[in-house]
Amino acid sequence: MATRARGRPAQSAISDTDLLDAVLQAFGENGYEGTSIREIARRLEVSHNLIPQRFGSKENLWYAAIDHGFGRIRRDLRREAETMGSDELEIMRGLVASFIEINALHPSVLQIINQEASQPGPRLDYLFDTYIKPIRDFGEAWLTQLAEQGRIKPVSVTLFYFLMTHGAGGVFALPALTRRLAKGARGKNIVSIQEQAQSAVNVLFDGLLPR
């Protein structure tokens, strides 16, 4: 049986999932303008022509990567929701904790949002209309319902969104700053992602509990 020579992996051996994970990471680290298809191909050790053959232009590649990243968040959240009970407040707490944990493991989506949200444009329009607004609307419905039931204090859903994503999520989306800040924390052990997410949820929700 013949064996393939050492060197680049076979083009068919690179799955779309692996490719789009690398693309998300590249866009998250370098931004849209700072990312090139050639550099991504070099990372994966594949032919420069492979990516255009599968996804077309750099613009199409960005949209495919975003759909891939948010698709994973949706699937993982649905799976986590199936294991939660029926109490609405506890479900909301659990979903927020899971959202933070998922983005901690795959921070590229939040990094890309941070970059694109600094100024208006078609990529921000796509992020907002397709993914961010549905998350906001879902959160607003739950928070309003819980407030009407007297289980939490009324809160701005916009503020809650920023605290959840760019507040708690910023610990993972901004690793260079996080490392600098952590250097000043004396006597603290490194906590797990799950512990970090739970701490963030406690800060977010305990402040909303009615006195």
N, C-alpha and C. Protein backbone atom coordinates (compact mmCIF):
# COMPACT_ATOMS: atom_id res chain seq x y z
N MET A 1 0.85 -1.19 0.00
CA MET A 1 0.00 0.00 0.00
C MET A 1 0.89 1.25 0.00
N ALA A 2 0.61 2.14 -0.92
CA ALA A 2 1.44 3.32 -1.04
C ALA A 2 1.13 4.31 0.06
N THR A 3 2.11 5.02 0.51
CA THR A 3 1.94 6.05 1.53
C THR A 3 2.21 7.42 0.92
N ARG A 4 1.48 8.40 1.41
CA ARG A 4 1.63 9.74 0.87
C ARG A 4 2.91 10.38 1.40
N ALA A 5 3.57 11.13 0.56
CA ALA A 5 4.81 11.78 0.96
C ALA A 5 4.53 12.79 2.06
N ARG A 6 5.54 13.01 2.88
CA ARG A 6 5.40 13.98 3.95
C ARG A 6 5.32 15.39 3.37
N GLY A 7 4.64 16.27 4.08
CA GLY A 7 4.48 17.65 3.59
C GLY A 7 3.10 18.15 3.93
N ARG A 8 2.50 18.89 3.02
CA ARG A 8 1.17 19.41 3.26
C ARG A 8 0.15 18.28 3.40
N PRO A 9 -0.86 18.45 4.30
CA PRO A 9 -1.90 17.44 4.40
C PRO A 9 -2.74 17.41 3.15
N ALA A 10 -3.34 16.25 2.88
CA ALA A 10 -4.22 16.14 1.73
C ALA A 10 -5.33 17.18 1.85
N GLN A 11 -5.68 17.83 0.74
CA GLN A 11 -6.68 18.88 0.76
C GLN A 11 -8.00 18.38 1.33
N SER A 12 -8.39 17.17 0.98
CA SER A 12 -9.66 16.62 1.45
C SER A 12 -9.63 16.30 2.93
N ALA A 13 -8.42 16.23 3.53
CA ALA A 13 -8.30 15.90 4.94
C ALA A 13 -8.65 17.08 5.83
N ILE A 14 -8.68 18.29 5.30
CA ILE A 14 -9.03 19.48 6.06
C ILE A 14 -10.55 19.67 5.99
N SER A 15 -11.21 19.45 7.12
CA SER A 15 -12.66 19.59 7.14
C SER A 15 -13.04 21.06 7.15
N ASP A 16 -14.27 21.35 6.76
CA ASP A 16 -14.75 22.73 6.81
C ASP A 16 -14.75 23.25 8.24
N THR A 17 -15.04 22.37 9.20
CA THR A 17 -15.04 22.79 10.61
C THR A 17 -13.66 23.25 11.04
N ASP A 18 -12.63 22.45 10.74
CA ASP A 18 -11.26 22.84 11.10
C ASP A 18 -10.85 24.12 10.38
N LEU A 19 -11.23 24.21 9.13
CA LEU A 19 -10.85 25.39 8.35
C LEU A 19 -11.51 26.65 8.91
N LEU A 20 -12.82 26.57 9.20
CA LEU A 20 -13.53 27.74 9.68
C LEU A 20 -13.12 28.11 11.11
N ASP A 21 -12.72 27.12 11.91
CA ASP A 21 -12.17 27.43 13.23
C ASP A 21 -10.90 28.27 13.09
N ALA A 22 -10.05 27.88 12.15
CA ALA A 22 -8.82 28.64 11.91
C ALA A 22 -9.12 30.03 11.37
N VAL A 23 -10.12 30.11 10.51
CA VAL A 23 -10.51 31.41 9.95
C VAL A 23 -11.04 32.34 11.04
N LEU A 24 -11.90 31.81 11.92
CA LEU A 24 -12.43 32.61 13.03
C LEU A 24 -11.30 33.14 13.90
N GLN A 25 -10.36 32.26 14.21
CA GLN A 25 -9.23 32.67 15.05
C GLN A 25 -8.42 33.78 14.38
N ALA A 26 -8.21 33.64 13.07
CA ALA A 26 -7.43 34.65 12.34
C ALA A 26 -8.16 35.99 12.33
N PHE A 27 -9.46 35.98 12.02
CA PHE A 27 -10.22 37.23 12.02
C PHE A 27 -10.30 37.81 13.43
N GLY A 28 -10.43 36.95 14.44
CA GLY A 28 -10.50 37.43 15.81
C GLY A 28 -9.20 38.08 16.25
N GLU A 29 -8.08 37.53 15.86
CA GLU A 29 -6.78 38.06 16.28
C GLU A 29 -6.36 39.28 15.47
N ASN A 30 -6.64 39.27 14.17
CA ASN A 30 -6.07 40.28 13.28
C ASN A 30 -7.08 41.24 12.68
N GLY A 31 -8.37 40.99 12.87
CA GLY A 31 -9.38 41.84 12.24
C GLY A 31 -9.56 41.50 10.77
N TYR A 32 -10.60 42.09 10.18
CA TYR A 32 -10.89 41.77 8.78
C TYR A 32 -9.78 42.24 7.86
N GLU A 33 -9.37 43.48 8.00
CA GLU A 33 -8.36 44.03 7.10
C GLU A 33 -7.00 43.37 7.30
N GLY A 34 -6.71 42.95 8.52
CA GLY A 34 -5.40 42.38 8.80
C GLY A 34 -5.29 40.90 8.53
N THR A 35 -6.37 40.29 8.03
CA THR A 35 -6.37 38.85 7.76
C THR A 35 -6.30 38.60 6.26
N SER A 36 -5.45 37.68 5.86
CA SER A 36 -5.36 37.31 4.44
C SER A 36 -5.61 35.81 4.28
N ILE A 37 -6.20 35.45 3.16
CA ILE A 37 -6.44 34.04 2.87
C ILE A 37 -5.13 33.29 2.78
N ARG A 38 -4.12 33.94 2.26
CA ARG A 38 -2.81 33.30 2.13
C ARG A 38 -2.24 32.93 3.50
N GLU A 39 -2.40 33.84 4.48
CA GLU A 39 -1.88 33.56 5.82
C GLU A 39 -2.65 32.42 6.48
N ILE A 40 -3.96 32.37 6.28
CA ILE A 40 -4.76 31.28 6.84
C ILE A 40 -4.33 29.96 6.23
N ALA A 41 -4.13 29.95 4.92
CA ALA A 41 -3.66 28.73 4.25
C ALA A 41 -2.31 28.30 4.78
N ARG A 42 -1.45 29.27 5.07
CA ARG A 42 -0.13 28.96 5.61
C ARG A 42 -0.26 28.33 7.01
N ARG A 43 -1.18 28.85 7.81
CA ARG A 43 -1.42 28.28 9.14
C ARG A 43 -1.82 26.81 9.06
N LEU A 44 -2.71 26.53 8.11
CA LEU A 44 -3.25 25.17 7.97
C LEU A 44 -2.36 24.27 7.13
N GLU A 45 -1.33 24.86 6.52
CA GLU A 45 -0.43 24.13 5.65
C GLU A 45 -1.19 23.48 4.49
N VAL A 46 -2.06 24.29 3.88
CA VAL A 46 -2.80 23.82 2.71
C VAL A 46 -2.52 24.77 1.56
N SER A 47 -2.93 24.37 0.38
CA SER A 47 -2.76 25.20 -0.80
C SER A 47 -3.56 26.49 -0.66
N HIS A 48 -2.98 27.58 -1.16
CA HIS A 48 -3.67 28.87 -1.13
C HIS A 48 -4.99 28.82 -1.88
N ASN A 49 -5.09 27.93 -2.87
CA ASN A 49 -6.30 27.85 -3.69
C ASN A 49 -7.44 27.10 -3.01
N LEU A 50 -7.14 26.35 -1.95
CA LEU A 50 -8.18 25.52 -1.32
C LEU A 50 -9.31 26.38 -0.77
N ILE A 51 -8.98 27.45 -0.06
CA ILE A 51 -10.02 28.26 0.59
C ILE A 51 -10.92 28.94 -0.42
N PRO A 52 -10.37 29.63 -1.46
CA PRO A 52 -11.27 30.20 -2.47
C PRO A 52 -12.12 29.15 -3.18
N GLN A 53 -11.57 27.96 -3.39
CA GLN A 53 -12.35 26.91 -4.04
C GLN A 53 -13.56 26.52 -3.21
N ARG A 54 -13.42 26.52 -1.89
CA ARG A 54 -14.52 26.11 -1.02
C ARG A 54 -15.47 27.25 -0.67
N PHE A 55 -14.94 28.46 -0.48
CA PHE A 55 -15.76 29.54 0.06
C PHE A 55 -15.80 30.80 -0.81
N GLY A 56 -14.99 30.85 -1.84
CA GLY A 56 -15.00 32.02 -2.70
C GLY A 56 -14.13 33.14 -2.13
N SER A 57 -14.68 34.33 -2.11
CA SER A 57 -13.91 35.53 -1.74
C SER A 57 -13.65 35.60 -0.24
N LYS A 58 -12.78 36.50 0.14
CA LYS A 58 -12.51 36.76 1.56
C LYS A 58 -13.78 37.22 2.27
N GLU A 59 -14.58 38.03 1.61
CA GLU A 59 -15.84 38.48 2.21
C GLU A 59 -16.77 37.30 2.49
N ASN A 60 -16.92 36.41 1.51
CA ASN A 60 -17.75 35.22 1.72
C ASN A 60 -17.20 34.36 2.85
N LEU A 61 -15.89 34.29 2.94
CA LEU A 61 -15.24 33.50 3.99
C LEU A 61 -15.57 34.06 5.36
N TRP A 62 -15.58 35.39 5.50
CA TRP A 62 -15.91 36.02 6.79
C TRP A 62 -17.32 35.65 7.21
N TYR A 63 -18.28 35.75 6.29
CA TYR A 63 -19.66 35.43 6.63
C TYR A 63 -19.82 33.95 6.98
N ALA A 64 -19.13 33.09 6.25
CA ALA A 64 -19.19 31.65 6.56
C ALA A 64 -18.62 31.36 7.94
N ALA A 65 -17.54 32.05 8.29
CA ALA A 65 -16.92 31.84 9.60
C ALA A 65 -17.84 32.32 10.71
N ILE A 66 -18.50 33.47 10.53
CA ILE A 66 -19.42 33.99 11.53
C ILE A 66 -20.60 33.03 11.71
N ASP A 67 -21.16 32.53 10.61
CA ASP A 67 -22.26 31.57 10.71
C ASP A 67 -21.81 30.31 11.45
N HIS A 68 -20.61 29.89 11.18
CA HIS A 68 -20.05 28.71 11.85
C HIS A 68 -19.91 28.96 13.36
N GLY A 69 -19.36 30.11 13.73
CA GLY A 69 -19.15 30.41 15.13
C GLY A 69 -20.44 30.55 15.91
N PHE A 70 -21.39 31.30 15.38
CA PHE A 70 -22.68 31.47 16.07
C PHE A 70 -23.49 30.18 16.02
N GLY A 71 -23.34 29.39 14.96
CA GLY A 71 -24.03 28.11 14.91
C GLY A 71 -23.60 27.21 16.05
N ARG A 72 -22.33 27.21 16.37
CA ARG A 72 -21.82 26.41 17.48
C ARG A 72 -22.40 26.91 18.81
N ILE A 73 -22.47 28.23 18.98
CA ILE A 73 -23.03 28.79 20.21
C ILE A 73 -24.48 28.35 20.37
N ARG A 74 -25.25 28.43 19.30
CA ARG A 74 -26.66 28.03 19.35
C ARG A 74 -26.81 26.56 19.71
N ARG A 75 -26.04 25.70 19.05
CA ARG A 75 -26.14 24.26 19.31
C ARG A 75 -25.78 23.94 20.76
N ASP A 76 -24.69 24.54 21.23
CA ASP A 76 -24.25 24.24 22.59
C ASP A 76 -25.25 24.76 23.63
N LEU A 77 -25.83 25.93 23.38
CA LEU A 77 -26.82 26.46 24.32
C LEU A 77 -28.08 25.61 24.34
N ARG A 78 -28.52 25.15 23.19
CA ARG A 78 -29.69 24.27 23.15
C ARG A 78 -29.42 22.99 23.93
N ARG A 79 -28.23 22.44 23.77
CA ARG A 79 -27.89 21.21 24.48
C ARG A 79 -27.85 21.44 25.99
N GLU A 80 -27.31 22.56 26.41
CA GLU A 80 -27.26 22.87 27.84
C GLU A 80 -28.67 23.11 28.38
N ALA A 81 -29.52 23.77 27.60
CA ALA A 81 -30.88 24.09 28.06
C ALA A 81 -31.69 22.83 28.34
N GLU A 82 -31.39 21.76 27.60
CA GLU A 82 -32.14 20.51 27.78
C GLU A 82 -31.88 19.87 29.14
N THR A 83 -30.79 20.24 29.79
CA THR A 83 -30.45 19.65 31.08
C THR A 83 -30.93 20.50 32.25
N MET A 84 -31.51 21.67 31.98
CA MET A 84 -31.93 22.57 33.05
C MET A 84 -33.35 22.25 33.49
N GLY A 85 -33.69 22.71 34.67
CA GLY A 85 -35.02 22.45 35.23
C GLY A 85 -36.08 23.35 34.62
N SER A 86 -37.10 23.67 35.43
CA SER A 86 -38.23 24.45 34.91
C SER A 86 -38.32 25.84 35.52
N ASP A 87 -37.51 26.14 36.53
CA ASP A 87 -37.55 27.45 37.15
C ASP A 87 -36.96 28.48 36.19
N GLU A 88 -37.74 29.51 35.87
CA GLU A 88 -37.34 30.45 34.82
C GLU A 88 -36.09 31.25 35.20
N LEU A 89 -35.98 31.64 36.46
CA LEU A 89 -34.81 32.41 36.88
C LEU A 89 -33.55 31.55 36.83
N GLU A 90 -33.66 30.30 37.27
CA GLU A 90 -32.51 29.41 37.25
C GLU A 90 -32.11 29.05 35.81
N ILE A 91 -33.10 28.93 34.93
CA ILE A 91 -32.80 28.68 33.51
C ILE A 91 -32.02 29.85 32.94
N MET A 92 -32.46 31.08 33.25
CA MET A 92 -31.79 32.27 32.75
C MET A 92 -30.36 32.34 33.27
N ARG A 93 -30.17 32.06 34.55
CA ARG A 93 -28.83 32.04 35.11
C ARG A 93 -27.97 30.99 34.42
N GLY A 94 -28.55 29.81 34.21
CA GLY A 94 -27.80 28.73 33.56
C GLY A 94 -27.42 29.05 32.14
N LEU A 95 -28.33 29.69 31.40
CA LEU A 95 -28.04 30.04 30.01
C LEU A 95 -26.93 31.08 29.92
N VAL A 96 -26.97 32.06 30.82
CA VAL A 96 -25.93 33.09 30.82
C VAL A 96 -24.58 32.47 31.16
N ALA A 97 -24.55 31.58 32.17
CA ALA A 97 -23.30 30.91 32.53
C ALA A 97 -22.78 30.09 31.36
N SER A 98 -23.66 29.36 30.69
CA SER A 98 -23.25 28.55 29.55
C SER A 98 -22.74 29.42 28.41
N PHE A 99 -23.40 30.55 28.17
CA PHE A 99 -22.97 31.48 27.12
C PHE A 99 -21.55 31.96 27.39
N ILE A 100 -21.27 32.31 28.64
CA ILE A 100 -19.93 32.79 28.99
C ILE A 100 -18.91 31.68 28.82
N GLU A 101 -19.24 30.46 29.25
CA GLU A 101 -18.31 29.34 29.13
C GLU A 101 -18.02 29.01 27.67
N ILE A 102 -19.06 29.00 26.83
CA ILE A 102 -18.87 28.68 25.41
C ILE A 102 -17.96 29.70 24.74
N ASN A 103 -18.18 30.98 25.06
CA ASN A 103 -17.35 32.01 24.46
C ASN A 103 -15.95 32.05 25.05
N ALA A 104 -15.79 31.53 26.26
CA ALA A 104 -14.45 31.41 26.83
C ALA A 104 -13.64 30.37 26.08
N LEU A 105 -14.29 29.28 25.68
CA LEU A 105 -13.60 28.23 24.93
C LEU A 105 -13.34 28.65 23.49
N HIS A 106 -14.22 29.48 22.95
CA HIS A 106 -14.09 29.94 21.55
C HIS A 106 -14.30 31.46 21.52
N PRO A 107 -13.31 32.24 21.94
CA PRO A 107 -13.50 33.69 22.10
C PRO A 107 -13.48 34.49 20.80
N SER A 108 -13.23 33.85 19.68
CA SER A 108 -13.06 34.60 18.43
C SER A 108 -14.30 35.39 18.04
N VAL A 109 -15.50 34.84 18.31
CA VAL A 109 -16.72 35.55 17.94
C VAL A 109 -16.81 36.88 18.67
N LEU A 110 -16.56 36.88 19.98
CA LEU A 110 -16.60 38.13 20.74
C LEU A 110 -15.50 39.08 20.29
N GLN A 111 -14.33 38.55 19.95
CA GLN A 111 -13.25 39.40 19.46
C GLN A 111 -13.65 40.10 18.16
N ILE A 112 -14.30 39.36 17.28
CA ILE A 112 -14.74 39.93 16.01
C ILE A 112 -15.81 40.99 16.24
N ILE A 113 -16.75 40.73 17.15
CA ILE A 113 -17.78 41.72 17.46
C ILE A 113 -17.13 42.99 18.00
N ASN A 114 -16.14 42.85 18.88
CA ASN A 114 -15.45 44.02 19.41
C ASN A 114 -14.86 44.88 18.29
N GLN A 115 -14.30 44.22 17.29
CA GLN A 115 -13.67 44.93 16.19
C GLN A 115 -14.71 45.61 15.29
N GLU A 116 -15.75 44.87 14.93
CA GLU A 116 -16.72 45.38 13.97
C GLU A 116 -17.66 46.40 14.58
N ALA A 117 -17.84 46.39 15.91
CA ALA A 117 -18.82 47.26 16.56
C ALA A 117 -18.30 48.67 16.79
N SER A 118 -17.06 48.94 16.44
CA SER A 118 -16.51 50.28 16.68
C SER A 118 -17.01 51.31 15.67
N GLN A 119 -17.52 50.85 14.53
CA GLN A 119 -18.04 51.77 13.53
C GLN A 119 -19.07 51.04 12.67
N PRO A 120 -20.04 51.78 12.08
CA PRO A 120 -21.08 51.12 11.28
C PRO A 120 -20.52 50.53 10.00
N GLY A 121 -21.22 49.53 9.49
CA GLY A 121 -20.80 48.90 8.24
C GLY A 121 -21.61 47.65 7.97
N PRO A 122 -21.48 47.08 6.79
CA PRO A 122 -22.29 45.91 6.43
C PRO A 122 -22.00 44.68 7.29
N ARG A 123 -20.77 44.53 7.76
CA ARG A 123 -20.48 43.36 8.59
C ARG A 123 -21.14 43.49 9.96
N LEU A 124 -21.14 44.71 10.53
CA LEU A 124 -21.85 44.92 11.78
C LEU A 124 -23.35 44.74 11.58
N ASP A 125 -23.87 45.22 10.45
CA ASP A 125 -25.29 45.04 10.15
C ASP A 125 -25.65 43.56 10.17
N TYR A 126 -24.80 42.74 9.55
CA TYR A 126 -25.08 41.30 9.50
C TYR A 126 -25.02 40.69 10.90
N LEU A 127 -24.00 41.04 11.66
CA LEU A 127 -23.87 40.53 13.03
C LEU A 127 -25.09 40.89 13.86
N PHE A 128 -25.50 42.16 13.76
CA PHE A 128 -26.61 42.63 14.60
C PHE A 128 -27.93 42.01 14.17
N ASP A 129 -28.26 42.12 12.89
CA ASP A 129 -29.57 41.67 12.42
C ASP A 129 -29.73 40.16 12.54
N THR A 130 -28.66 39.42 12.29
CA THR A 130 -28.77 37.96 12.24
C THR A 130 -28.60 37.30 13.59
N TYR A 131 -27.75 37.87 14.45
CA TYR A 131 -27.41 37.17 15.69
C TYR A 131 -27.57 38.01 16.95
N ILE A 132 -27.08 39.23 16.96
CA ILE A 132 -27.10 40.00 18.21
C ILE A 132 -28.52 40.42 18.58
N LYS A 133 -29.30 40.93 17.63
CA LYS A 133 -30.67 41.36 17.93
C LYS A 133 -31.53 40.20 18.44
N PRO A 134 -31.48 39.01 17.82
CA PRO A 134 -32.26 37.89 18.39
C PRO A 134 -31.87 37.56 19.82
N ILE A 135 -30.56 37.63 20.13
CA ILE A 135 -30.12 37.38 21.51
C ILE A 135 -30.69 38.46 22.43
N ARG A 136 -30.61 39.72 21.96
CA ARG A 136 -31.14 40.82 22.75
C ARG A 136 -32.64 40.66 22.98
N ASP A 137 -33.40 40.34 21.94
CA ASP A 137 -34.86 40.21 22.06
C ASP A 137 -35.22 39.06 22.99
N PHE A 138 -34.49 37.97 22.89
CA PHE A 138 -34.73 36.82 23.78
C PHE A 138 -34.49 37.22 25.23
N GLY A 139 -33.36 37.90 25.48
CA GLY A 139 -33.04 38.32 26.83
C GLY A 139 -34.04 39.32 27.37
N GLU A 140 -34.50 40.25 26.52
CA GLU A 140 -35.46 41.25 26.96
C GLU A 140 -36.77 40.60 27.39
N ALA A 141 -37.24 39.60 26.62
CA ALA A 141 -38.49 38.93 26.96
C ALA A 141 -38.38 38.23 28.32
N TRP A 142 -37.27 37.55 28.55
CA TRP A 142 -37.08 36.84 29.82
C TRP A 142 -36.93 37.80 30.98
N LEU A 143 -36.10 38.82 30.81
CA LEU A 143 -35.86 39.76 31.90
C LEU A 143 -37.14 40.53 32.25
N THR A 144 -37.91 40.92 31.23
CA THR A 144 -39.17 41.63 31.47
C THR A 144 -40.14 40.74 32.23
N GLN A 145 -40.23 39.48 31.81
CA GLN A 145 -41.15 38.55 32.47
C GLN A 145 -40.76 38.33 33.93
N LEU A 146 -39.47 38.14 34.19
CA LEU A 146 -39.00 37.94 35.56
C LEU A 146 -39.22 39.19 36.41
N ALA A 147 -39.05 40.37 35.82
CA ALA A 147 -39.28 41.62 36.55
C ALA A 147 -40.76 41.78 36.87
N GLU A 148 -41.63 41.44 35.92
CA GLU A 148 -43.07 41.55 36.16
C GLU A 148 -43.53 40.59 37.24
N GLN A 149 -42.84 39.46 37.36
CA GLN A 149 -43.15 38.49 38.41
C GLN A 149 -42.59 38.90 39.77
N GLY A 150 -41.79 39.97 39.79
CA GLY A 150 -41.20 40.43 41.03
C GLY A 150 -39.98 39.64 41.46
N ARG A 151 -39.42 38.83 40.55
CA ARG A 151 -38.30 37.97 40.92
C ARG A 151 -36.96 38.67 40.74
N ILE A 152 -36.91 39.69 39.88
CA ILE A 152 -35.71 40.53 39.74
C ILE A 152 -36.16 41.98 39.62
N LYS A 153 -35.20 42.88 39.82
CA LYS A 153 -35.49 44.30 39.61
C LYS A 153 -35.45 44.59 38.11
N PRO A 154 -36.22 45.57 37.64
CA PRO A 154 -36.15 45.94 36.23
C PRO A 154 -34.72 46.35 35.86
N VAL A 155 -34.30 45.95 34.67
CA VAL A 155 -32.94 46.25 34.23
C VAL A 155 -32.94 46.52 32.73
N SER A 156 -32.07 47.40 32.30
CA SER A 156 -31.90 47.67 30.87
C SER A 156 -31.30 46.43 30.19
N VAL A 157 -31.98 45.92 29.18
CA VAL A 157 -31.46 44.75 28.49
C VAL A 157 -30.17 45.07 27.75
N THR A 158 -30.02 46.33 27.31
CA THR A 158 -28.78 46.73 26.65
C THR A 158 -27.61 46.66 27.62
N LEU A 159 -27.81 47.18 28.84
CA LEU A 159 -26.77 47.10 29.85
C LEU A 159 -26.46 45.66 30.19
N PHE A 160 -27.50 44.85 30.34
CA PHE A 160 -27.29 43.44 30.69
C PHE A 160 -26.50 42.73 29.60
N TYR A 161 -26.82 43.02 28.34
CA TYR A 161 -26.10 42.40 27.23
C TYR A 161 -24.62 42.74 27.28
N PHE A 162 -24.30 44.02 27.49
CA PHE A 162 -22.89 44.42 27.52
C PHE A 162 -22.17 43.81 28.72
N LEU A 163 -22.82 43.73 29.86
CA LEU A 163 -22.19 43.13 31.02
C LEU A 163 -21.92 41.65 30.79
N MET A 164 -22.85 40.97 30.11
CA MET A 164 -22.71 39.54 29.86
C MET A 164 -21.63 39.25 28.82
N THR A 165 -21.64 40.00 27.72
CA THR A 165 -20.74 39.69 26.61
C THR A 165 -19.40 40.38 26.73
N HIS A 166 -19.41 41.69 26.79
CA HIS A 166 -18.16 42.43 26.77
C HIS A 166 -17.63 42.73 28.16
N GLY A 167 -18.45 42.44 29.19
CA GLY A 167 -17.97 42.51 30.55
C GLY A 167 -17.37 41.18 30.96
N ALA A 168 -18.24 40.20 31.24
CA ALA A 168 -17.76 38.87 31.62
C ALA A 168 -16.97 38.22 30.48
N GLY A 169 -17.46 38.39 29.25
CA GLY A 169 -16.77 37.79 28.12
C GLY A 169 -15.45 38.43 27.79
N GLY A 170 -15.27 39.69 28.22
CA GLY A 170 -14.03 40.39 27.93
C GLY A 170 -12.81 39.74 28.57
N VAL A 171 -13.01 39.02 29.67
CA VAL A 171 -11.90 38.31 30.31
C VAL A 171 -11.26 37.34 29.33
N PHE A 172 -12.06 36.76 28.44
CA PHE A 172 -11.56 35.76 27.51
C PHE A 172 -11.30 36.35 26.12
N ALA A 173 -12.06 37.37 25.75
CA ALA A 173 -11.91 37.96 24.42
C ALA A 173 -10.72 38.91 24.34
N LEU A 174 -10.25 39.38 25.49
CA LEU A 174 -9.12 40.32 25.53
C LEU A 174 -8.00 39.72 26.37
N PRO A 175 -7.37 38.66 25.88
CA PRO A 175 -6.40 37.91 26.70
C PRO A 175 -5.17 38.72 27.11
N ALA A 176 -4.69 39.62 26.24
CA ALA A 176 -3.49 40.38 26.59
C ALA A 176 -3.77 41.29 27.78
N LEU A 177 -4.93 41.97 27.78
CA LEU A 177 -5.29 42.84 28.89
C LEU A 177 -5.56 42.01 30.15
N THR A 178 -6.22 40.87 29.98
CA THR A 178 -6.52 40.01 31.13
C THR A 178 -5.24 39.56 31.82
N ARG A 179 -4.23 39.20 31.02
CA ARG A 179 -2.96 38.77 31.62
C ARG A 179 -2.30 39.91 32.38
N ARG A 180 -2.39 41.13 31.85
CA ARG A 180 -1.80 42.28 32.54
C ARG A 180 -2.52 42.56 33.85
N LEU A 181 -3.85 42.49 33.82
CA LEU A 181 -4.62 42.73 35.04
C LEU A 181 -4.37 41.66 36.08
N ALA A 182 -4.23 40.41 35.63
CA ALA A 182 -4.06 39.30 36.56
C ALA A 182 -2.74 39.38 37.31
N LYS A 183 -1.76 40.07 36.73
CA LYS A 183 -0.46 40.18 37.39
C LYS A 183 -0.56 40.95 38.71
N GLY A 184 -1.60 41.77 38.83
CA GLY A 184 -1.74 42.54 40.06
C GLY A 184 -2.56 41.84 41.13
N ALA A 185 -3.08 40.65 40.81
CA ALA A 185 -3.90 39.91 41.78
C ALA A 185 -3.01 39.01 42.61
N ARG A 186 -2.81 39.38 43.86
CA ARG A 186 -1.92 38.63 44.72
C ARG A 186 -2.67 37.53 45.48
N GLY A 187 -2.02 36.40 45.60
CA GLY A 187 -2.56 35.32 46.41
C GLY A 187 -3.80 34.67 45.84
N LYS A 188 -4.08 34.84 44.55
CA LYS A 188 -5.26 34.24 43.95
C LYS A 188 -4.86 33.08 43.06
N ASN A 189 -5.56 31.97 43.21
CA ASN A 189 -5.32 30.82 42.35
C ASN A 189 -6.04 31.03 41.03
N ILE A 190 -5.52 30.43 39.98
CA ILE A 190 -6.17 30.49 38.68
C ILE A 190 -7.48 29.68 38.76
N VAL A 191 -8.59 30.31 38.39
CA VAL A 191 -9.88 29.63 38.47
C VAL A 191 -10.23 29.04 37.12
N SER A 192 -11.09 28.05 37.15
CA SER A 192 -11.51 27.40 35.91
C SER A 192 -12.49 28.30 35.17
N ILE A 193 -12.71 27.98 33.91
CA ILE A 193 -13.68 28.73 33.11
C ILE A 193 -15.06 28.65 33.76
N GLN A 194 -15.41 27.46 34.24
CA GLN A 194 -16.73 27.28 34.86
C GLN A 194 -16.86 28.14 36.11
N GLU A 195 -15.83 28.20 36.92
CA GLU A 195 -15.86 29.03 38.12
C GLU A 195 -15.94 30.51 37.75
N GLN A 196 -15.21 30.89 36.72
CA GLN A 196 -15.24 32.30 36.28
C GLN A 196 -16.63 32.66 35.79
N ALA A 197 -17.25 31.77 35.02
CA ALA A 197 -18.59 32.04 34.50
C ALA A 197 -19.60 32.14 35.64
N GLN A 198 -19.48 31.25 36.63
CA GLN A 198 -20.42 31.27 37.74
C GLN A 198 -20.25 32.53 38.58
N SER A 199 -19.02 32.97 38.75
CA SER A 199 -18.78 34.22 39.49
C SER A 199 -19.43 35.40 38.77
N ALA A 200 -19.31 35.42 37.44
CA ALA A 200 -19.91 36.50 36.66
C ALA A 200 -21.43 36.47 36.79
N VAL A 201 -22.02 35.28 36.74
CA VAL A 201 -23.48 35.14 36.87
C VAL A 201 -23.93 35.62 38.24
N ASN A 202 -23.17 35.27 39.28
CA ASN A 202 -23.52 35.71 40.62
C ASN A 202 -23.52 37.24 40.72
N VAL A 203 -22.51 37.87 40.12
CA VAL A 203 -22.44 39.33 40.14
C VAL A 203 -23.61 39.92 39.37
N LEU A 204 -23.92 39.36 38.19
CA LEU A 204 -24.99 39.89 37.36
C LEU A 204 -26.35 39.75 38.03
N PHE A 205 -26.66 38.56 38.52
CA PHE A 205 -28.02 38.29 38.99
C PHE A 205 -28.25 38.67 40.45
N ASP A 206 -27.26 38.50 41.30
CA ASP A 206 -27.48 38.83 42.71
C ASP A 206 -27.78 40.31 42.89
N GLY A 207 -27.20 41.13 42.01
CA GLY A 207 -27.51 42.56 42.07
C GLY A 207 -28.90 42.89 41.59
N LEU A 208 -29.54 41.95 40.89
CA LEU A 208 -30.90 42.18 40.38
C LEU A 208 -31.97 41.67 41.33
N LEU A 209 -31.58 40.90 42.33
CA LEU A 209 -32.59 40.34 43.23
C LEU A 209 -33.25 41.44 44.05
N PRO A 210 -34.58 41.44 44.13
CA PRO A 210 -35.27 42.47 44.91
C PRO A 210 -34.96 42.35 46.39
N ARG A 211 -34.81 43.46 47.07
CA ARG A 211 -34.51 43.43 48.50
C ARG A 211 -35.80 43.23 49.29
